[in-house]
Amino acid sequence: MRNNPERLGASLENQDISPVPVLQEATGDFSFIEANDIVELPSKGVHYPEGHILRANPAIELKPMTAKQEDILVNQAYIKQGTVVDRLLESIVVDKNLNLDDLLVGDKNALLIQARVSAYGKEYPVSSFCRHCYEKQEITYDLEECVIYKEATYEDGIESNEDGTFTIQMPKSKLSVTLRFLTSADEKVLAAKKKKYEKYDMEFSDQLEGFRQMIVAVNGDDKLISKYLDHMPLQDSKYLKKIIKAVPPNAQMIGNFECKSCDMENEVEVPVTFRFFWPDI
């Protein structure tokens, strides 16, 4: 609209037209605000389906944790439901279009480790037992030195398939077993199933149900999975446990344990305890 006093039916003559004071923008030193973290995924994105956002761009941006996230960590309802970790990640992942249930377990571990280091620092206190003298002691690990990113590892005799699965031959039965990598959604399914079984005091095998989630075919046939698991030889079971630990991509925490009582030193997998996200308890 033009500034035309005649059209407005008024005159600006003899009126105070001094400039309206402008409110000064609030100032302060916010140099303490940390930049976002970019987490490169251990999987390199190659195990996600074609067209998935993480296959083309295998990195996730995380906001630093604040008091808001601390409220999530102490929320008793989330803790009781077992959803506190997922709620935490949902609140700090920048890309809200990313479905966190799609994350491979190893990639999710990488996010959690980075979130913890950014929030509480690299020092991680753990109560542990010496494997030699069984003496309990406090060990403080440096997470920046402990964390190892491991890509999918295919040894001789393990066939990597184009669809992201892999195939192995079992040592005792000589059957060909095809497996996939577990996702965050798979972990939730297993947890819900276990809770339901325990509610009705029914026997639940974490190991067998984990196998059932990972195996997609036996000798190329998905209808043989249940029958094979019901009759799986012990030698096959032990080999499968070894493969499940060794092959998938992961973010591992490996530290050096030095016993203060017997001076025994050995390399150990750093355990994740309640003090990982609650270090002051």
Protein backbone atom coordinates (compact mmCIF):
# COMPACT_ATOMS: atom_id res chain seq x y z
CA MET A 1 0.00 0.00 0.00
CA ARG A 2 1.31 3.51 -0.93
CA ASN A 3 1.86 6.11 1.83
CA ASN A 4 -1.00 8.46 0.73
CA PRO A 5 -2.58 10.62 3.53
CA GLU A 6 -5.41 11.81 1.29
CA ARG A 7 -6.52 8.27 0.58
CA LEU A 8 -6.32 7.47 4.26
CA GLY A 9 -8.39 10.57 5.14
CA ALA A 10 -5.71 12.04 7.40
CA SER A 11 -2.69 14.34 7.31
CA LEU A 12 0.77 13.67 8.60
CA GLU A 13 1.40 17.37 9.17
CA ASN A 14 2.37 18.26 12.75
CA GLN A 15 2.35 14.58 13.72
CA ASP A 16 5.21 12.87 15.47
CA ILE A 17 6.76 10.62 12.89
CA SER A 18 9.95 9.82 14.76
CA PRO A 19 11.14 6.26 14.13
CA VAL A 20 9.59 3.53 16.22
CA PRO A 21 12.26 2.15 18.55
CA VAL A 22 13.49 -1.29 17.52
CA LEU A 23 13.78 -3.91 20.23
CA GLN A 24 17.35 -5.03 20.59
CA GLU A 25 17.92 -8.69 19.89
CA ALA A 26 18.76 -10.67 22.98
CA THR A 27 22.45 -11.39 23.14
CA GLY A 28 24.53 -13.82 25.10
CA ASP A 29 27.50 -16.13 24.88
CA PHE A 30 26.25 -19.41 23.42
CA SER A 31 29.69 -20.71 22.49
CA PHE A 32 29.00 -23.76 24.66
CA ILE A 33 26.55 -25.10 22.05
CA GLU A 34 28.12 -28.10 20.37
CA ALA A 35 27.98 -28.90 16.70
CA ASN A 36 26.05 -31.93 15.48
CA ASP A 37 27.85 -35.25 15.09
CA ILE A 38 28.05 -37.16 11.82
CA VAL A 39 28.18 -40.93 12.42
CA GLU A 40 29.52 -43.01 9.54
CA LEU A 41 27.83 -46.41 9.73
CA PRO A 42 29.84 -49.63 10.13
CA SER A 43 27.70 -51.31 7.46
CA LYS A 44 28.70 -48.70 4.85
CA GLY A 45 25.06 -48.91 3.77
CA VAL A 46 25.61 -51.93 1.54
CA HIS A 47 23.26 -54.22 3.49
CA TYR A 48 20.19 -52.01 3.12
CA PRO A 49 17.72 -52.62 0.27
CA GLU A 50 17.96 -50.79 -3.03
CA GLY A 51 16.50 -47.29 -2.79
CA HIS A 52 16.98 -47.02 0.99
CA ILE A 53 18.33 -43.64 2.10
CA LEU A 54 21.20 -45.25 4.04
CA ARG A 55 22.35 -47.27 1.05
CA ALA A 56 23.06 -44.09 -0.90
CA ASN A 57 24.26 -42.05 2.08
CA PRO A 58 25.54 -44.31 4.92
CA ALA A 59 25.85 -41.62 7.59
CA ILE A 60 23.48 -40.24 10.23
CA GLU A 61 23.54 -36.77 11.81
CA LEU A 62 22.95 -36.57 15.56
CA LYS A 63 22.14 -33.55 17.69
CA PRO A 64 24.07 -33.29 20.99
CA MET A 65 22.16 -34.45 24.05
CA THR A 66 20.65 -31.78 26.30
CA ALA A 67 18.54 -31.66 29.46
CA LYS A 68 15.61 -32.79 27.33
CA GLN A 69 17.36 -36.08 26.58
CA GLU A 70 18.27 -36.51 30.23
CA ASP A 71 14.55 -36.34 31.01
CA ILE A 72 14.04 -39.17 28.53
CA LEU A 73 16.75 -41.29 30.17
CA VAL A 74 15.12 -41.02 33.61
CA ASN A 75 11.54 -41.41 32.38
CA GLN A 76 10.24 -44.38 34.38
CA ALA A 77 7.51 -45.21 31.87
CA TYR A 78 10.05 -45.52 29.03
CA ILE A 79 12.37 -47.57 31.22
CA LYS A 80 9.56 -49.94 32.22
CA GLN A 81 8.44 -50.30 28.59
CA GLY A 82 12.01 -50.88 27.44
CA THR A 83 11.74 -48.01 24.94
CA VAL A 84 14.13 -45.51 26.52
CA VAL A 85 16.94 -46.11 23.99
CA ASP A 86 14.61 -45.75 21.00
CA ARG A 87 13.06 -42.59 22.45
CA LEU A 88 16.52 -41.17 22.97
CA LEU A 89 17.61 -41.82 19.39
CA GLU A 90 14.34 -40.47 17.99
CA SER A 91 14.98 -37.20 19.80
CA ILE A 92 18.56 -36.67 18.57
CA VAL A 93 18.50 -38.00 14.99
CA VAL A 94 18.25 -34.97 12.73
CA ASP A 95 16.54 -36.64 9.74
CA LYS A 96 13.02 -37.38 10.96
CA ASN A 97 12.25 -39.24 7.71
CA LEU A 98 14.64 -41.99 8.75
CA ASN A 99 12.89 -45.06 10.15
CA LEU A 100 15.08 -46.15 13.06
CA ASP A 101 13.51 -49.62 13.01
CA ASP A 102 15.31 -50.18 9.69
CA LEU A 103 18.73 -49.76 11.30
CA LEU A 104 20.98 -52.78 11.42
CA VAL A 105 21.88 -53.64 15.01
CA GLY A 106 25.55 -52.76 14.48
CA ASP A 107 24.69 -49.37 12.99
CA LYS A 108 22.36 -48.62 15.90
CA ASN A 109 25.20 -49.47 18.31
CA ALA A 110 27.39 -46.90 16.57
CA LEU A 111 24.79 -44.18 17.15
CA LEU A 112 24.41 -45.04 20.83
CA ILE A 113 28.15 -45.01 21.44
CA GLN A 114 28.56 -41.62 19.77
CA ALA A 115 25.59 -40.19 21.69
CA ARG A 116 27.09 -41.38 24.96
CA VAL A 117 30.57 -39.98 24.24
CA SER A 118 29.13 -36.62 23.17
CA ALA A 119 26.94 -36.36 26.28
CA TYR A 120 29.15 -37.69 29.08
CA GLY A 121 32.66 -37.81 27.68
CA LYS A 122 34.99 -40.64 26.79
CA GLU A 123 35.50 -42.08 30.29
CA TYR A 124 33.28 -45.08 31.03
CA PRO A 125 33.48 -46.71 34.52
CA VAL A 126 32.64 -50.41 34.74
CA SER A 127 32.54 -52.89 37.61
CA SER A 128 34.14 -56.10 36.38
CA PHE A 129 35.62 -59.42 37.51
CA CYS A 130 39.07 -60.71 36.68
CA ARG A 131 38.80 -63.92 34.66
CA HIS A 132 41.89 -65.28 36.43
CA CYS A 133 41.44 -64.51 40.14
CA TYR A 134 37.74 -63.49 40.07
CA GLU A 135 38.47 -60.30 42.01
CA LYS A 136 35.86 -57.58 41.49
CA GLN A 137 37.21 -54.15 40.62
CA GLU A 138 36.43 -50.82 39.00
CA ILE A 139 37.85 -50.23 35.53
CA THR A 140 37.53 -46.96 33.61
CA TYR A 141 37.71 -47.37 29.84
CA ASP A 142 38.46 -44.68 27.30
CA LEU A 143 35.66 -45.07 24.75
CA GLU A 144 37.51 -43.13 22.09
CA GLU A 145 40.26 -45.74 22.23
CA CYS A 146 37.97 -48.75 22.71
CA VAL A 147 35.50 -48.34 19.85
CA ILE A 148 36.21 -50.41 16.73
CA TYR A 149 34.07 -50.22 13.59
CA LYS A 150 33.85 -53.58 11.87
CA GLU A 151 32.49 -54.08 8.37
CA ALA A 152 30.77 -57.34 7.42
CA THR A 153 33.44 -60.05 7.46
CA TYR A 154 33.12 -62.98 5.05
CA GLU A 155 35.64 -65.73 5.70
CA ASP A 156 36.32 -68.67 3.42
CA GLY A 157 33.21 -70.78 3.00
CA ILE A 158 30.83 -67.85 3.55
CA GLU A 159 29.03 -66.64 0.43
CA SER A 160 27.79 -63.05 0.25
CA ASN A 161 24.57 -62.73 -1.75
CA GLU A 162 23.41 -59.76 -3.85
CA ASP A 163 20.28 -59.27 -1.76
CA GLY A 164 22.33 -58.58 1.38
CA THR A 165 22.01 -62.08 2.85
CA PHE A 166 24.86 -64.58 3.23
CA THR A 167 25.04 -68.37 2.98
CA ILE A 168 27.08 -70.87 5.01
CA GLN A 169 27.40 -74.64 5.10
CA MET A 170 26.80 -76.19 8.50
CA PRO A 171 29.65 -78.44 9.73
CA LYS A 172 27.64 -81.41 11.01
CA SER A 173 24.43 -81.55 8.95
CA LYS A 174 26.16 -80.24 5.79
CA LEU A 175 23.03 -78.22 5.07
CA SER A 176 23.23 -74.84 3.31
CA VAL A 177 21.82 -72.08 5.54
CA THR A 178 21.06 -68.54 4.33
CA LEU A 179 20.92 -65.72 6.88
CA ARG A 180 20.21 -62.01 7.03
CA PHE A 181 21.42 -59.31 9.39
CA LEU A 182 19.11 -58.34 12.25
CA THR A 183 17.57 -54.88 12.44
CA SER A 184 16.28 -52.79 15.32
CA ALA A 185 12.76 -53.95 14.42
CA ASP A 186 13.86 -57.58 14.78
CA GLU A 187 15.18 -56.85 18.27
CA LYS A 188 11.80 -55.43 19.23
CA VAL A 189 9.99 -58.49 17.87
CA LEU A 190 12.25 -60.78 19.91
CA ALA A 191 11.79 -58.71 23.07
CA ALA A 192 8.00 -58.64 22.69
CA LYS A 193 7.86 -62.39 22.08
CA LYS A 194 10.03 -63.11 25.11
CA LYS A 195 7.85 -60.88 27.29
CA LYS A 196 4.72 -62.69 26.13
CA TYR A 197 6.21 -66.13 26.82
CA GLU A 198 7.38 -65.05 30.28
CA LYS A 199 3.93 -63.64 31.05
CA TYR A 200 2.44 -67.12 30.66
CA ASP A 201 5.45 -68.83 32.28
CA MET A 202 6.38 -70.55 29.02
CA GLU A 203 9.89 -71.59 28.06
CA PHE A 204 11.66 -69.15 25.73
CA SER A 205 15.06 -69.67 24.07
CA ASP A 206 16.80 -66.42 23.18
CA GLN A 207 19.29 -68.36 21.09
CA LEU A 208 16.83 -70.39 19.03
CA GLU A 209 14.49 -67.46 18.47
CA GLY A 210 17.46 -65.37 17.38
CA PHE A 211 18.38 -68.09 14.89
CA ARG A 212 14.79 -68.15 13.67
CA GLN A 213 14.86 -64.40 13.01
CA MET A 214 18.13 -64.54 11.09
CA ILE A 215 17.69 -67.69 8.98
CA VAL A 216 15.75 -67.06 5.76
CA ALA A 217 16.24 -70.46 4.09
CA VAL A 218 17.68 -73.94 4.57
CA ASN A 219 18.88 -75.53 1.34
CA GLY A 220 17.07 -72.67 -0.41
CA ASP A 221 13.69 -73.50 1.17
CA ASP A 222 12.14 -71.31 3.88
CA LYS A 223 9.72 -74.10 4.84
CA LEU A 224 12.59 -76.17 6.26
CA ILE A 225 13.66 -73.61 8.87
CA SER A 226 11.50 -74.79 11.78
CA LYS A 227 12.26 -78.46 11.17
CA TYR A 228 15.97 -77.78 11.02
CA LEU A 229 15.94 -75.72 14.24
CA ASP A 230 14.03 -78.47 16.04
CA HIS A 231 16.76 -80.99 15.12
CA MET A 232 19.86 -78.78 14.89
CA PRO A 233 23.02 -80.67 15.95
CA LEU A 234 25.05 -79.07 18.74
CA GLN A 235 28.04 -78.69 16.42
CA ASP A 236 25.91 -76.69 13.99
CA SER A 237 24.54 -74.53 16.82
CA LYS A 238 28.01 -73.62 18.12
CA TYR A 239 29.21 -72.80 14.61
CA LEU A 240 26.16 -70.62 13.94
CA LYS A 241 26.72 -68.65 17.17
CA LYS A 242 30.31 -68.02 16.10
CA ILE A 243 29.21 -66.88 12.63
CA ILE A 244 26.49 -64.56 13.98
CA LYS A 245 29.06 -62.81 16.16
CA ALA A 246 31.83 -62.64 13.53
CA VAL A 247 30.10 -61.75 10.25
CA PRO A 248 27.67 -58.79 10.78
CA PRO A 249 28.94 -55.19 10.69
CA ASN A 250 29.16 -53.68 14.14
CA ALA A 251 30.54 -50.99 16.42
CA GLN A 252 32.43 -52.91 19.09
CA MET A 253 34.05 -51.76 22.31
CA ILE A 254 37.29 -53.64 22.99
CA GLY A 255 39.43 -52.64 25.97
CA ASN A 256 42.49 -53.76 27.87
CA PHE A 257 41.73 -55.24 31.30
CA GLU A 258 44.54 -55.03 33.87
CA CYS A 259 43.82 -56.80 37.16
CA LYS A 260 45.04 -54.86 40.19
CA SER A 261 45.16 -58.02 42.30
CA CYS A 262 46.97 -60.60 40.15
CA ASP A 263 48.41 -58.37 37.39
CA MET A 264 46.70 -60.44 34.72
CA GLU A 265 46.22 -58.51 31.46
CA ASN A 266 43.88 -59.44 28.63
CA GLU A 267 41.78 -57.85 25.91
CA VAL A 268 38.06 -57.93 26.64
CA GLU A 269 34.80 -56.82 25.12
CA VAL A 270 33.72 -53.82 27.20
CA PRO A 271 30.32 -54.62 28.73
CA VAL A 272 27.37 -52.28 28.35
CA THR A 273 25.93 -51.74 31.82
CA PHE A 274 23.36 -49.32 33.26
CA ARG A 275 26.26 -46.88 33.82
CA PHE A 276 26.67 -46.42 30.07
CA PHE A 277 23.93 -43.78 30.02
CA TRP A 278 23.68 -43.33 33.80
CA PRO A 279 27.35 -42.88 34.77
CA ASP A 280 26.64 -41.04 38.01
CA ILE A 281 24.52 -43.78 39.56
